[in-house]
Amino acid sequence: MLPFAFLFPSNSKISPFESQRFIWMLISSNIILITFYYLNRWWLIPRLLARKQTLVYIAAVIAYLLLYLGVMFFIFVDSPETKAWLLSQLQKNPNFKFKPRFFGPGPLTLFLLTFIISSSSKVIAQWFYAEETRQEITKQQLQTELSLLKSQVNPHFLFNTLNSIYSLSITNSEKTSDAVMKLSRIMRYTLEESKNDEVPLADEIEFIRSYIDLQKIRLTDMVRIDFTTEGELENTLISPLLFIPFIENAFKYGISTHHPSHISIFIAVQQHELIFTCVNDIVPVSLKHESTGTGIVNTRRRLELLYPGKHTLSIESNTRQYNVLLRLNMNV
């Protein structure tokens, strides 16, 4: 049985590059293997294997292997050199049988090496990308935590809250202990729970309620705040402190002690989708505040890193209202 390759005798002075068969097999092999390298790295792995279509991926690789071997086999068998060699063998031995190998060791080895190199390069590239993403998520998480610590537990917020609690204590109000407990929850949640990658949505909602209740202590009857929730909240996990930047903005720019104002916050889980809306009036006093916009920018980036392709964020504003709509696909 002949090997699946063009063999030159060890004492032959003929160069392989003088063989048309060798040149055609070399050119065809390079074209097919280079094409497979890029096809496997940039299409088959991302589109099939990464989406858990393993059987389809294996079938595609095997089909391409058979195509490669078929082209090499056809060039070898149909070349004039092979036909001339076969004719010379038949002249020497009329009973000679020509049995070329379809699964030759040379092409199989080259294809296997190309497959390993292309797959390994993609895996390594994905590992570096995942590592960079993980580091950026950690960085963004740290920036968010520091931002929240600065905005929520800064002296202004803390002193206002403590003064309100002090006023409640002087009047022996029953709300004093509850206010102290809510402030404690905010401090603990911001410092401890926010370090986790995910938290129960119910805990996040309880944190938001505490934040809103403490804000209410210093507000007048001119401000109306609505906070409603719907759906399966207990069995849903989300990244911590995801909604609070929008709520902070609403309290910063949407309330006034002299003008009627309204803040509406809604969180719901509907058919594996989490919906968050935050709508606040734009009052004249908000024009006095200068906004850097870094909080919303950081939140957008966090969403891109934590929920790539699984979220939509819409922010609309006019002269009367500021409207935030966030949708998260909670399917794994």
C-alpha atoms as a PDB file:
ATOM      1  CA  MET A   1       0.000   0.000   0.000  1.00  0.00           C
ATOM      2  CA  LEU A   2       1.440   3.353  -1.038  1.00  0.00           C
ATOM      3  CA  PRO A   3       1.721   6.183   1.500  1.00  0.00           C
ATOM      4  CA  PHE A   4      -0.467   9.232   0.889  1.00  0.00           C
ATOM      5  CA  ALA A   5       2.371  11.499  -0.297  1.00  0.00           C
ATOM      6  CA  PHE A   6       4.792  11.846  -3.120  1.00  0.00           C
ATOM      7  CA  LEU A   7       7.903   9.882  -2.198  1.00  0.00           C
ATOM      8  CA  PHE A   8      11.292  10.335  -3.760  1.00  0.00           C
ATOM      9  CA  PRO A   9      13.879   7.580  -3.542  1.00  0.00           C
ATOM     10  CA  SER A  10      16.662   8.311  -1.088  1.00  0.00           C
ATOM     11  CA  ASN A  11      19.207   8.291  -3.932  1.00  0.00           C
ATOM     12  CA  SER A  12      17.087  10.474  -6.208  1.00  0.00           C
ATOM     13  CA  LYS A  13      18.597  13.735  -7.347  1.00  0.00           C
ATOM     14  CA  ILE A  14      15.189  15.186  -8.262  1.00  0.00           C
ATOM     15  CA  SER A  15      14.110  18.133  -6.132  1.00  0.00           C
ATOM     16  CA  PRO A  16      10.529  18.020  -4.798  1.00  0.00           C
ATOM     17  CA  PHE A  17       9.964  21.507  -6.234  1.00  0.00           C
ATOM     18  CA  GLU A  18      10.520  20.074  -9.727  1.00  0.00           C
ATOM     19  CA  SER A  19       7.366  18.010  -9.215  1.00  0.00           C
ATOM     20  CA  GLN A  20       4.087  19.630 -10.307  1.00  0.00           C
ATOM     21  CA  ARG A  21       2.231  17.253  -8.014  1.00  0.00           C
ATOM     22  CA  PHE A  22       4.250  18.358  -4.986  1.00  0.00           C
ATOM     23  CA  ILE A  23       3.787  22.059  -5.824  1.00  0.00           C
ATOM     24  CA  TRP A  24       0.023  21.706  -6.284  1.00  0.00           C
ATOM     25  CA  MET A  25      -0.329  19.727  -3.061  1.00  0.00           C
ATOM     26  CA  LEU A  26       1.802  22.270  -1.186  1.00  0.00           C
ATOM     27  CA  ILE A  27      -0.175  25.276  -2.463  1.00  0.00           C
ATOM     28  CA  SER A  28      -3.572  23.620  -1.921  1.00  0.00           C
ATOM     29  CA  SER A  29      -2.608  22.390   1.532  1.00  0.00           C
ATOM     30  CA  ASN A  30      -1.448  25.841   2.652  1.00  0.00           C
ATOM     31  CA  ILE A  31      -4.586  27.532   1.349  1.00  0.00           C
ATOM     32  CA  ILE A  32      -6.933  25.020   2.946  1.00  0.00           C
ATOM     33  CA  LEU A  33      -5.118  24.877   6.290  1.00  0.00           C
ATOM     34  CA  ILE A  34      -4.744  28.673   6.584  1.00  0.00           C
ATOM     35  CA  THR A  35      -8.437  29.040   5.767  1.00  0.00           C
ATOM     36  CA  PHE A  36      -9.310  26.457   8.401  1.00  0.00           C
ATOM     37  CA  TYR A  37      -7.114  28.227  10.969  1.00  0.00           C
ATOM     38  CA  TYR A  38      -9.053  31.477  10.666  1.00  0.00           C
ATOM     39  CA  LEU A  39     -12.404  29.723  10.190  1.00  0.00           C
ATOM     40  CA  ASN A  40     -11.932  27.669  13.361  1.00  0.00           C
ATOM     41  CA  ARG A  41     -10.566  30.571  15.413  1.00  0.00           C
ATOM     42  CA  TRP A  42     -12.990  33.311  14.399  1.00  0.00           C
ATOM     43  CA  TRP A  43     -16.177  31.490  13.440  1.00  0.00           C
ATOM     44  CA  LEU A  44     -16.487  27.825  14.463  1.00  0.00           C
ATOM     45  CA  ILE A  45     -15.364  28.266  18.090  1.00  0.00           C
ATOM     46  CA  PRO A  46     -17.228  31.551  18.817  1.00  0.00           C
ATOM     47  CA  ARG A  47     -20.402  30.675  16.891  1.00  0.00           C
ATOM     48  CA  LEU A  48     -20.711  26.968  17.655  1.00  0.00           C
ATOM     49  CA  LEU A  49     -18.497  25.712  20.466  1.00  0.00           C
ATOM     50  CA  ALA A  50     -18.930  28.807  22.662  1.00  0.00           C
ATOM     51  CA  ARG A  51     -22.703  28.475  22.287  1.00  0.00           C
ATOM     52  CA  LYS A  52     -22.573  24.841  23.419  1.00  0.00           C
ATOM     53  CA  GLN A  53     -23.362  23.424  19.953  1.00  0.00           C
ATOM     54  CA  THR A  54     -20.657  20.831  20.453  1.00  0.00           C
ATOM     55  CA  LEU A  55     -21.988  18.167  18.080  1.00  0.00           C
ATOM     56  CA  VAL A  56     -22.422  20.683  15.265  1.00  0.00           C
ATOM     57  CA  TYR A  57     -18.880  21.943  15.891  1.00  0.00           C
ATOM     58  CA  ILE A  58     -17.404  18.430  15.776  1.00  0.00           C
ATOM     59  CA  ALA A  59     -19.361  17.661  12.609  1.00  0.00           C
ATOM     60  CA  ALA A  60     -18.082  20.858  10.961  1.00  0.00           C
ATOM     61  CA  VAL A  61     -14.449  20.056  11.841  1.00  0.00           C
ATOM     62  CA  ILE A  62     -14.771  16.483  10.558  1.00  0.00           C
ATOM     63  CA  ALA A  63     -16.424  17.712   7.346  1.00  0.00           C
ATOM     64  CA  TYR A  64     -13.584  20.156   6.749  1.00  0.00           C
ATOM     65  CA  LEU A  65     -11.025  17.409   7.455  1.00  0.00           C
ATOM     66  CA  LEU A  66     -12.668  15.131   4.886  1.00  0.00           C
ATOM     67  CA  LEU A  67     -12.713  18.000   2.395  1.00  0.00           C
ATOM     68  CA  TYR A  68      -8.995  18.616   2.956  1.00  0.00           C
ATOM     69  CA  LEU A  69      -8.099  14.925   2.636  1.00  0.00           C
ATOM     70  CA  GLY A  70     -10.316  14.640  -0.439  1.00  0.00           C
ATOM     71  CA  VAL A  71      -8.559  17.499  -2.216  1.00  0.00           C
ATOM     72  CA  MET A  72      -5.132  16.100  -1.366  1.00  0.00           C
ATOM     73  CA  PHE A  73      -6.199  12.605  -2.461  1.00  0.00           C
ATOM     74  CA  PHE A  74      -7.586  13.882  -5.768  1.00  0.00           C
ATOM     75  CA  ILE A  75      -4.421  15.867  -6.560  1.00  0.00           C
ATOM     76  CA  PHE A  76      -2.268  12.846  -5.735  1.00  0.00           C
ATOM     77  CA  VAL A  77      -4.270  10.291  -7.690  1.00  0.00           C
ATOM     78  CA  ASP A  78      -5.124  12.471 -10.705  1.00  0.00           C
ATOM     79  CA  SER A  79      -1.661  13.937 -11.252  1.00  0.00           C
ATOM     80  CA  PRO A  80       0.234  12.962 -14.444  1.00  0.00           C
ATOM     81  CA  GLU A  81       3.221  11.882 -12.333  1.00  0.00           C
ATOM     82  CA  THR A  82       1.123   9.363 -10.402  1.00  0.00           C
ATOM     83  CA  LYS A  83      -0.418   8.036 -13.606  1.00  0.00           C
ATOM     84  CA  ALA A  84       3.009   7.702 -15.228  1.00  0.00           C
ATOM     85  CA  TRP A  85       4.395   5.945 -12.178  1.00  0.00           C
ATOM     86  CA  LEU A  86       1.381   3.592 -12.075  1.00  0.00           C
ATOM     87  CA  LEU A  87       1.835   2.778 -15.763  1.00  0.00           C
ATOM     88  CA  SER A  88       5.491   1.909 -15.179  1.00  0.00           C
ATOM     89  CA  GLN A  89       4.564  -0.368 -12.294  1.00  0.00           C
ATOM     90  CA  LEU A  90       1.944  -2.166 -14.378  1.00  0.00           C
ATOM     91  CA  GLN A  91       4.467  -2.721 -17.132  1.00  0.00           C
ATOM     92  CA  LYS A  92       6.779  -4.355 -14.646  1.00  0.00           C
ATOM     93  CA  ASN A  93       4.009  -6.302 -12.926  1.00  0.00           C
ATOM     94  CA  PRO A  94       0.607  -6.665 -14.637  1.00  0.00           C
ATOM     95  CA  ASN A  95      -0.903  -7.857 -11.311  1.00  0.00           C
ATOM     96  CA  PHE A  96       0.150  -4.710  -9.469  1.00  0.00           C
ATOM     97  CA  LYS A  97      -2.716  -3.102  -7.519  1.00  0.00           C
ATOM     98  CA  PHE A  98      -2.709   0.607  -6.770  1.00  0.00           C
ATOM     99  CA  LYS A  99      -4.107   1.314  -3.258  1.00  0.00           C
ATOM    100  CA  PRO A 100      -3.397   4.915  -2.235  1.00  0.00           C
ATOM    101  CA  ARG A 101      -4.207   5.949   1.333  1.00  0.00           C
ATOM    102  CA  PHE A 102      -7.049   8.407   1.788  1.00  0.00           C
ATOM    103  CA  PHE A 103      -6.207   8.935   5.481  1.00  0.00           C
ATOM    104  CA  GLY A 104      -2.515   9.589   4.998  1.00  0.00           C
ATOM    105  CA  PRO A 105      -0.410  10.339   8.098  1.00  0.00           C
ATOM    106  CA  GLY A 106       1.108  13.491   6.570  1.00  0.00           C
ATOM    107  CA  PRO A 107      -2.141  15.429   5.877  1.00  0.00           C
ATOM    108  CA  LEU A 108      -3.706  14.159   9.113  1.00  0.00           C
ATOM    109  CA  THR A 109      -0.739  15.443  11.114  1.00  0.00           C
ATOM    110  CA  LEU A 110      -0.800  18.845   9.399  1.00  0.00           C
ATOM    111  CA  PHE A 111      -4.548  19.217   9.952  1.00  0.00           C
ATOM    112  CA  LEU A 112      -4.252  18.176  13.593  1.00  0.00           C
ATOM    113  CA  LEU A 113      -1.462  20.699  14.188  1.00  0.00           C
ATOM    114  CA  THR A 114      -3.506  23.456  12.546  1.00  0.00           C
ATOM    115  CA  PHE A 115      -6.532  22.508  14.657  1.00  0.00           C
ATOM    116  CA  ILE A 116      -4.511  22.515  17.891  1.00  0.00           C
ATOM    117  CA  ILE A 117      -2.762  25.814  17.119  1.00  0.00           C
ATOM    118  CA  SER A 118      -5.956  27.648  16.073  1.00  0.00           C
ATOM    119  CA  SER A 119      -7.932  26.308  19.059  1.00  0.00           C
ATOM    120  CA  SER A 120      -5.135  27.050  21.516  1.00  0.00           C
ATOM    121  CA  SER A 121      -4.647  30.592  20.208  1.00  0.00           C
ATOM    122  CA  LYS A 122      -8.386  31.263  20.579  1.00  0.00           C
ATOM    123  CA  VAL A 123      -8.487  29.802  24.087  1.00  0.00           C
ATOM    124  CA  ILE A 124      -5.453  31.836  25.148  1.00  0.00           C
ATOM    125  CA  ALA A 125      -6.913  35.010  23.622  1.00  0.00           C
ATOM    126  CA  GLN A 126     -10.214  34.374  25.409  1.00  0.00           C
ATOM    127  CA  TRP A 127      -8.376  33.775  28.677  1.00  0.00           C
ATOM    128  CA  PHE A 128      -6.541  37.097  28.391  1.00  0.00           C
ATOM    129  CA  TYR A 129      -9.791  38.860  27.478  1.00  0.00           C
ATOM    130  CA  ALA A 130     -11.619  37.259  30.420  1.00  0.00           C
ATOM    131  CA  GLU A 131      -8.785  38.225  32.749  1.00  0.00           C
ATOM    132  CA  GLU A 132      -8.822  41.824  31.520  1.00  0.00           C
ATOM    133  CA  THR A 133     -12.604  41.908  31.893  1.00  0.00           C
ATOM    134  CA  ARG A 134     -12.387  40.490  35.405  1.00  0.00           C
ATOM    135  CA  GLN A 135      -9.831  43.108  36.389  1.00  0.00           C
ATOM    136  CA  GLU A 136     -11.928  45.881  34.899  1.00  0.00           C
ATOM    137  CA  ILE A 137     -15.027  44.579  36.707  1.00  0.00           C
ATOM    138  CA  THR A 138     -13.062  44.602  39.959  1.00  0.00           C
ATOM    139  CA  LYS A 139     -11.868  48.118  39.214  1.00  0.00           C
ATOM    140  CA  GLN A 140     -15.363  49.310  38.352  1.00  0.00           C
ATOM    141  CA  GLN A 141     -16.760  47.613  41.454  1.00  0.00           C
ATOM    142  CA  LEU A 142     -14.185  49.354  43.608  1.00  0.00           C
ATOM    143  CA  GLN A 143     -14.898  52.697  41.972  1.00  0.00           C
ATOM    144  CA  THR A 144     -18.616  52.191  42.537  1.00  0.00           C
ATOM    145  CA  GLU A 145     -18.097  51.266  46.174  1.00  0.00           C
ATOM    146  CA  LEU A 146     -15.878  54.296  46.747  1.00  0.00           C
ATOM    147  CA  SER A 147     -18.381  56.524  44.966  1.00  0.00           C
ATOM    148  CA  LEU A 148     -21.212  55.175  47.080  1.00  0.00           C
ATOM    149  CA  LEU A 149     -19.221  55.553  50.269  1.00  0.00           C
ATOM    150  CA  LYS A 150     -18.524  59.141  49.336  1.00  0.00           C
ATOM    151  CA  SER A 151     -22.085  59.985  48.316  1.00  0.00           C
ATOM    152  CA  GLN A 152     -24.091  58.001  50.848  1.00  0.00           C
ATOM    153  CA  VAL A 153     -21.949  58.076  53.954  1.00  0.00           C
ATOM    154  CA  ASN A 154     -20.411  61.486  53.424  1.00  0.00           C
ATOM    155  CA  PRO A 155     -20.569  64.071  56.219  1.00  0.00           C
ATOM    156  CA  HIS A 156     -23.435  65.990  54.595  1.00  0.00           C
ATOM    157  CA  PHE A 157     -25.703  62.941  54.326  1.00  0.00           C
ATOM    158  CA  LEU A 158     -24.612  61.561  57.671  1.00  0.00           C
ATOM    159  CA  PHE A 159     -25.016  64.850  59.570  1.00  0.00           C
ATOM    160  CA  ASN A 160     -28.431  65.510  58.072  1.00  0.00           C
ATOM    161  CA  THR A 161     -29.569  62.026  58.988  1.00  0.00           C
ATOM    162  CA  LEU A 162     -28.147  62.239  62.511  1.00  0.00           C
ATOM    163  CA  ASN A 163     -29.732  65.660  63.031  1.00  0.00           C
ATOM    164  CA  SER A 164     -33.068  64.247  61.902  1.00  0.00           C
ATOM    165  CA  ILE A 165     -32.664  61.267  64.236  1.00  0.00           C
ATOM    166  CA  TYR A 166     -31.669  63.638  67.059  1.00  0.00           C
ATOM    167  CA  SER A 167     -34.838  65.685  66.482  1.00  0.00           C
ATOM    168  CA  LEU A 168     -36.885  62.498  66.612  1.00  0.00           C
ATOM    169  CA  SER A 169     -35.226  61.440  69.855  1.00  0.00           C
ATOM    170  CA  ILE A 170     -35.969  64.801  71.532  1.00  0.00           C
ATOM    171  CA  THR A 171     -39.654  64.372  70.817  1.00  0.00           C
ATOM    172  CA  ASN A 172     -39.466  60.743  71.953  1.00  0.00           C
ATOM    173  CA  SER A 173     -40.701  59.662  68.581  1.00  0.00           C
ATOM    174  CA  GLU A 174     -41.249  55.986  67.996  1.00  0.00           C
ATOM    175  CA  LYS A 175     -39.476  56.411  64.645  1.00  0.00           C
ATOM    176  CA  THR A 176     -36.099  57.030  66.310  1.00  0.00           C
ATOM    177  CA  SER A 177     -35.048  53.406  66.719  1.00  0.00           C
ATOM    178  CA  ASP A 178     -36.273  52.552  63.225  1.00  0.00           C
ATOM    179  CA  ALA A 179     -34.242  55.415  61.706  1.00  0.00           C
ATOM    180  CA  VAL A 180     -31.107  54.299  63.555  1.00  0.00           C
ATOM    181  CA  MET A 181     -31.635  50.750  62.322  1.00  0.00           C
ATOM    182  CA  LYS A 182     -32.053  51.902  58.706  1.00  0.00           C
ATOM    183  CA  LEU A 183     -28.878  53.981  58.874  1.00  0.00           C
ATOM    184  CA  SER A 184     -27.056  50.961  60.292  1.00  0.00           C
ATOM    185  CA  ARG A 185     -28.331  48.787  57.436  1.00  0.00           C
ATOM    186  CA  ILE A 186     -27.112  51.272  54.848  1.00  0.00           C
ATOM    187  CA  MET A 187     -23.663  51.428  56.434  1.00  0.00           C
ATOM    188  CA  ARG A 188     -23.383  47.651  56.738  1.00  0.00           C
ATOM    189  CA  TYR A 189     -24.730  46.911  53.258  1.00  0.00           C
ATOM    190  CA  THR A 190     -22.448  49.435  51.579  1.00  0.00           C
ATOM    191  CA  LEU A 191     -19.365  48.236  53.438  1.00  0.00           C
ATOM    192  CA  GLU A 192     -19.975  44.479  53.504  1.00  0.00           C
ATOM    193  CA  GLU A 193     -22.640  43.149  51.138  1.00  0.00           C
ATOM    194  CA  SER A 194     -21.430  45.222  48.203  1.00  0.00           C
ATOM    195  CA  LYS A 195     -18.210  43.161  48.122  1.00  0.00           C
ATOM    196  CA  ASN A 196     -20.140  40.125  46.833  1.00  0.00           C
ATOM    197  CA  ASP A 197     -20.463  39.455  43.118  1.00  0.00           C
ATOM    198  CA  GLU A 198     -24.205  38.905  43.481  1.00  0.00           C
ATOM    199  CA  VAL A 199     -26.805  39.511  46.158  1.00  0.00           C
ATOM    200  CA  PRO A 200     -30.487  38.567  46.442  1.00  0.00           C
ATOM    201  CA  LEU A 201     -32.697  41.155  44.799  1.00  0.00           C
ATOM    202  CA  ALA A 202     -34.768  41.262  47.997  1.00  0.00           C
ATOM    203  CA  ASP A 203     -31.704  42.481  49.938  1.00  0.00           C
ATOM    204  CA  GLU A 204     -31.021  45.163  47.341  1.00  0.00           C
ATOM    205  CA  ILE A 205     -34.635  46.320  47.595  1.00  0.00           C
ATOM    206  CA  GLU A 206     -34.438  46.446  51.378  1.00  0.00           C
ATOM    207  CA  PHE A 207     -31.301  48.580  51.062  1.00  0.00           C
ATOM    208  CA  ILE A 208     -33.118  50.944  48.682  1.00  0.00           C
ATOM    209  CA  ARG A 209     -36.087  51.182  51.072  1.00  0.00           C
ATOM    210  CA  SER A 210     -33.784  52.124  53.933  1.00  0.00           C
ATOM    211  CA  TYR A 211     -32.114  54.746  51.780  1.00  0.00           C
ATOM    212  CA  ILE A 212     -35.465  56.221  50.714  1.00  0.00           C
ATOM    213  CA  ASP A 213     -36.841  56.207  54.277  1.00  0.00           C
ATOM    214  CA  LEU A 214     -33.836  58.109  55.564  1.00  0.00           C
ATOM    215  CA  GLN A 215     -34.188  60.631  52.753  1.00  0.00           C
ATOM    216  CA  LYS A 216     -37.847  61.093  53.667  1.00  0.00           C
ATOM    217  CA  ILE A 217     -36.951  62.243  57.184  1.00  0.00           C
ATOM    218  CA  ARG A 218     -35.584  65.536  55.871  1.00  0.00           C
ATOM    219  CA  LEU A 219     -38.214  66.079  53.168  1.00  0.00           C
ATOM    220  CA  THR A 220     -41.401  68.120  53.334  1.00  0.00           C
ATOM    221  CA  ASP A 221     -44.901  67.313  52.150  1.00  0.00           C
ATOM    222  CA  MET A 222     -44.035  68.957  48.834  1.00  0.00           C
ATOM    223  CA  VAL A 223     -42.206  65.764  47.813  1.00  0.00           C
ATOM    224  CA  ARG A 224     -44.059  62.577  46.908  1.00  0.00           C
ATOM    225  CA  ILE A 225     -42.088  59.334  46.611  1.00  0.00           C
ATOM    226  CA  ASP A 226     -43.482  56.074  45.197  1.00  0.00           C
ATOM    227  CA  PHE A 227     -41.517  52.842  45.398  1.00  0.00           C
ATOM    228  CA  THR A 228     -43.220  49.652  44.181  1.00  0.00           C
ATOM    229  CA  THR A 229     -42.038  46.126  43.388  1.00  0.00           C
ATOM    230  CA  GLU A 230     -43.560  43.128  41.591  1.00  0.00           C
ATOM    231  CA  GLY A 231     -42.723  39.549  40.719  1.00  0.00           C
ATOM    232  CA  GLU A 232     -40.430  36.796  42.005  1.00  0.00           C
ATOM    233  CA  LEU A 233     -37.950  38.887  43.956  1.00  0.00           C
ATOM    234  CA  GLU A 234     -36.708  36.240  46.375  1.00  0.00           C
ATOM    235  CA  ASN A 235     -35.148  33.888  43.815  1.00  0.00           C
ATOM    236  CA  THR A 236     -33.385  36.577  41.767  1.00  0.00           C
ATOM    237  CA  LEU A 237     -29.701  37.461  42.124  1.00  0.00           C
ATOM    238  CA  ILE A 238     -28.161  40.682  40.815  1.00  0.00           C
ATOM    239  CA  SER A 239     -24.960  42.639  41.085  1.00  0.00           C
ATOM    240  CA  PRO A 240     -25.104  44.816  44.219  1.00  0.00           C
ATOM    241  CA  LEU A 241     -25.587  48.597  44.193  1.00  0.00           C
ATOM    242  CA  LEU A 242     -26.744  48.567  40.585  1.00  0.00           C
ATOM    243  CA  PHE A 243     -29.755  50.868  40.896  1.00  0.00           C
ATOM    244  CA  ILE A 244     -28.649  53.286  43.586  1.00  0.00           C
ATOM    245  CA  PRO A 245     -26.752  55.723  41.276  1.00  0.00           C
ATOM    246  CA  PHE A 246     -30.011  56.439  39.419  1.00  0.00           C
ATOM    247  CA  ILE A 247     -31.931  56.818  42.687  1.00  0.00           C
ATOM    248  CA  GLU A 248     -29.264  59.136  44.085  1.00  0.00           C
ATOM    249  CA  ASN A 249     -29.557  61.318  41.006  1.00  0.00           C
ATOM    250  CA  ALA A 250     -33.323  61.438  41.451  1.00  0.00           C
ATOM    251  CA  PHE A 251     -32.987  62.716  45.028  1.00  0.00           C
ATOM    252  CA  LYS A 252     -30.216  65.112  44.083  1.00  0.00           C
ATOM    253  CA  TYR A 253     -31.951  66.748  41.122  1.00  0.00           C
ATOM    254  CA  GLY A 254     -35.619  65.852  41.520  1.00  0.00           C
ATOM    255  CA  ILE A 255     -36.727  67.208  44.900  1.00  0.00           C
ATOM    256  CA  SER A 256     -37.453  70.681  46.215  1.00  0.00           C
ATOM    257  CA  THR A 257     -38.679  72.035  49.517  1.00  0.00           C
ATOM    258  CA  HIS A 258     -40.467  74.901  47.757  1.00  0.00           C
ATOM    259  CA  HIS A 259     -41.945  73.247  44.640  1.00  0.00           C
ATOM    260  CA  PRO A 260     -44.098  70.135  44.303  1.00  0.00           C
ATOM    261  CA  SER A 261     -41.980  67.230  43.088  1.00  0.00           C
ATOM    262  CA  HIS A 262     -42.402  63.538  42.538  1.00  0.00           C
ATOM    263  CA  ILE A 263     -40.066  60.527  42.378  1.00  0.00           C
ATOM    264  CA  SER A 264     -41.347  57.178  41.135  1.00  0.00           C
ATOM    265  CA  ILE A 265     -39.241  53.991  41.432  1.00  0.00           C
ATOM    266  CA  PHE A 266     -40.402  50.612  40.137  1.00  0.00           C
ATOM    267  CA  ILE A 267     -38.683  47.193  40.199  1.00  0.00           C
ATOM    268  CA  ALA A 268     -40.249  44.051  38.759  1.00  0.00           C
ATOM    269  CA  VAL A 269     -39.252  40.548  37.657  1.00  0.00           C
ATOM    270  CA  GLN A 270     -41.383  39.364  34.742  1.00  0.00           C
ATOM    271  CA  GLN A 271     -40.659  36.138  32.845  1.00  0.00           C
ATOM    272  CA  HIS A 272     -36.912  36.056  33.575  1.00  0.00           C
ATOM    273  CA  GLU A 273     -36.560  39.778  32.903  1.00  0.00           C
ATOM    274  CA  LEU A 274     -35.827  42.399  35.538  1.00  0.00           C
ATOM    275  CA  ILE A 275     -37.299  45.834  34.898  1.00  0.00           C
ATOM    276  CA  PHE A 276     -36.171  48.955  36.751  1.00  0.00           C
ATOM    277  CA  THR A 277     -37.615  52.417  36.205  1.00  0.00           C
ATOM    278  CA  CYS A 278     -36.830  55.652  37.993  1.00  0.00           C
ATOM    279  CA  VAL A 279     -38.708  58.799  37.058  1.00  0.00           C
ATOM    280  CA  ASN A 280     -38.208  62.151  38.765  1.00  0.00           C
ATOM    281  CA  ASP A 281     -39.398  65.663  38.148  1.00  0.00           C
ATOM    282  CA  ILE A 282     -36.855  68.259  37.147  1.00  0.00           C
ATOM    283  CA  VAL A 283     -37.262  71.123  39.612  1.00  0.00           C
ATOM    284  CA  PRO A 284     -35.722  74.606  39.317  1.00  0.00           C
ATOM    285  CA  VAL A 285     -33.366  74.019  42.219  1.00  0.00           C
ATOM    286  CA  SER A 286     -31.674  71.194  40.280  1.00  0.00           C
ATOM    287  CA  LEU A 287     -30.256  73.741  37.876  1.00  0.00           C
ATOM    288  CA  LYS A 288     -27.963  74.947  40.639  1.00  0.00           C
ATOM    289  CA  HIS A 289     -26.222  71.576  40.876  1.00  0.00           C
ATOM    290  CA  GLU A 290     -23.312  70.798  38.624  1.00  0.00           C
ATOM    291  CA  SER A 291     -23.200  67.214  37.509  1.00  0.00           C
ATOM    292  CA  THR A 292     -20.047  65.445  36.326  1.00  0.00           C
ATOM    293  CA  GLY A 293     -22.055  62.502  35.040  1.00  0.00           C
ATOM    294  CA  THR A 294     -19.404  60.029  36.186  1.00  0.00           C
ATOM    295  CA  GLY A 295     -21.906  58.008  38.234  1.00  0.00           C
ATOM    296  CA  ILE A 296     -24.080  57.187  35.234  1.00  0.00           C
ATOM    297  CA  VAL A 297     -21.038  56.610  33.007  1.00  0.00           C
ATOM    298  CA  ASN A 298     -19.596  54.134  35.521  1.00  0.00           C
ATOM    299  CA  THR A 299     -22.960  52.400  35.823  1.00  0.00           C
ATOM    300  CA  ARG A 300     -23.206  52.034  32.048  1.00  0.00           C
ATOM    301  CA  ARG A 301     -19.754  50.459  31.985  1.00  0.00           C
ATOM    302  CA  ARG A 302     -20.630  48.119  34.857  1.00  0.00           C
ATOM    303  CA  LEU A 303     -23.687  46.943  32.940  1.00  0.00           C
ATOM    304  CA  GLU A 304     -21.577  46.306  29.837  1.00  0.00           C
ATOM    305  CA  LEU A 305     -19.126  44.230  31.861  1.00  0.00           C
ATOM    306  CA  LEU A 306     -21.580  42.369  34.089  1.00  0.00           C
ATOM    307  CA  TYR A 307     -24.458  41.868  31.643  1.00  0.00           C
ATOM    308  CA  PRO A 308     -22.945  41.917  28.130  1.00  0.00           C
ATOM    309  CA  GLY A 309     -25.688  41.559  25.555  1.00  0.00           C
ATOM    310  CA  LYS A 310     -28.235  40.989  28.328  1.00  0.00           C
ATOM    311  CA  HIS A 311     -29.350  44.509  29.163  1.00  0.00           C
ATOM    312  CA  THR A 312     -30.875  47.620  27.671  1.00  0.00           C
ATOM    313  CA  LEU A 313     -30.575  51.020  29.323  1.00  0.00           C
ATOM    314  CA  SER A 314     -32.664  53.949  28.162  1.00  0.00           C
ATOM    315  CA  ILE A 315     -32.306  57.421  29.678  1.00  0.00           C
ATOM    316  CA  GLU A 316     -34.605  60.181  28.482  1.00  0.00           C
ATOM    317  CA  SER A 317     -34.998  63.718  29.774  1.00  0.00           C
ATOM    318  CA  ASN A 318     -36.913  66.841  28.911  1.00  0.00           C
ATOM    319  CA  THR A 319     -37.721  70.088  30.657  1.00  0.00           C
ATOM    320  CA  ARG A 320     -40.130  68.336  33.021  1.00  0.00           C
ATOM    321  CA  GLN A 321     -38.892  64.820  33.784  1.00  0.00           C
ATOM    322  CA  TYR A 322     -35.860  62.548  33.883  1.00  0.00           C
ATOM    323  CA  ASN A 323     -36.731  58.951  32.986  1.00  0.00           C
ATOM    324  CA  VAL A 324     -34.523  55.860  33.408  1.00  0.00           C
ATOM    325  CA  LEU A 325     -35.538  52.432  32.088  1.00  0.00           C
ATOM    326  CA  LEU A 326     -33.264  49.416  32.643  1.00  0.00           C
ATOM    327  CA  ARG A 327     -34.040  45.877  31.481  1.00  0.00           C
ATOM    328  CA  LEU A 328     -31.921  42.896  32.499  1.00  0.00           C
ATOM    329  CA  ASN A 329     -32.184  39.420  31.005  1.00  0.00           C
ATOM    330  CA  MET A 330     -31.867  37.130  34.023  1.00  0.00           C
ATOM    331  CA  ASN A 331     -31.580  33.888  32.021  1.00  0.00           C
ATOM    332  CA  VAL A 332     -28.290  32.056  32.663  1.00  0.00           C
END
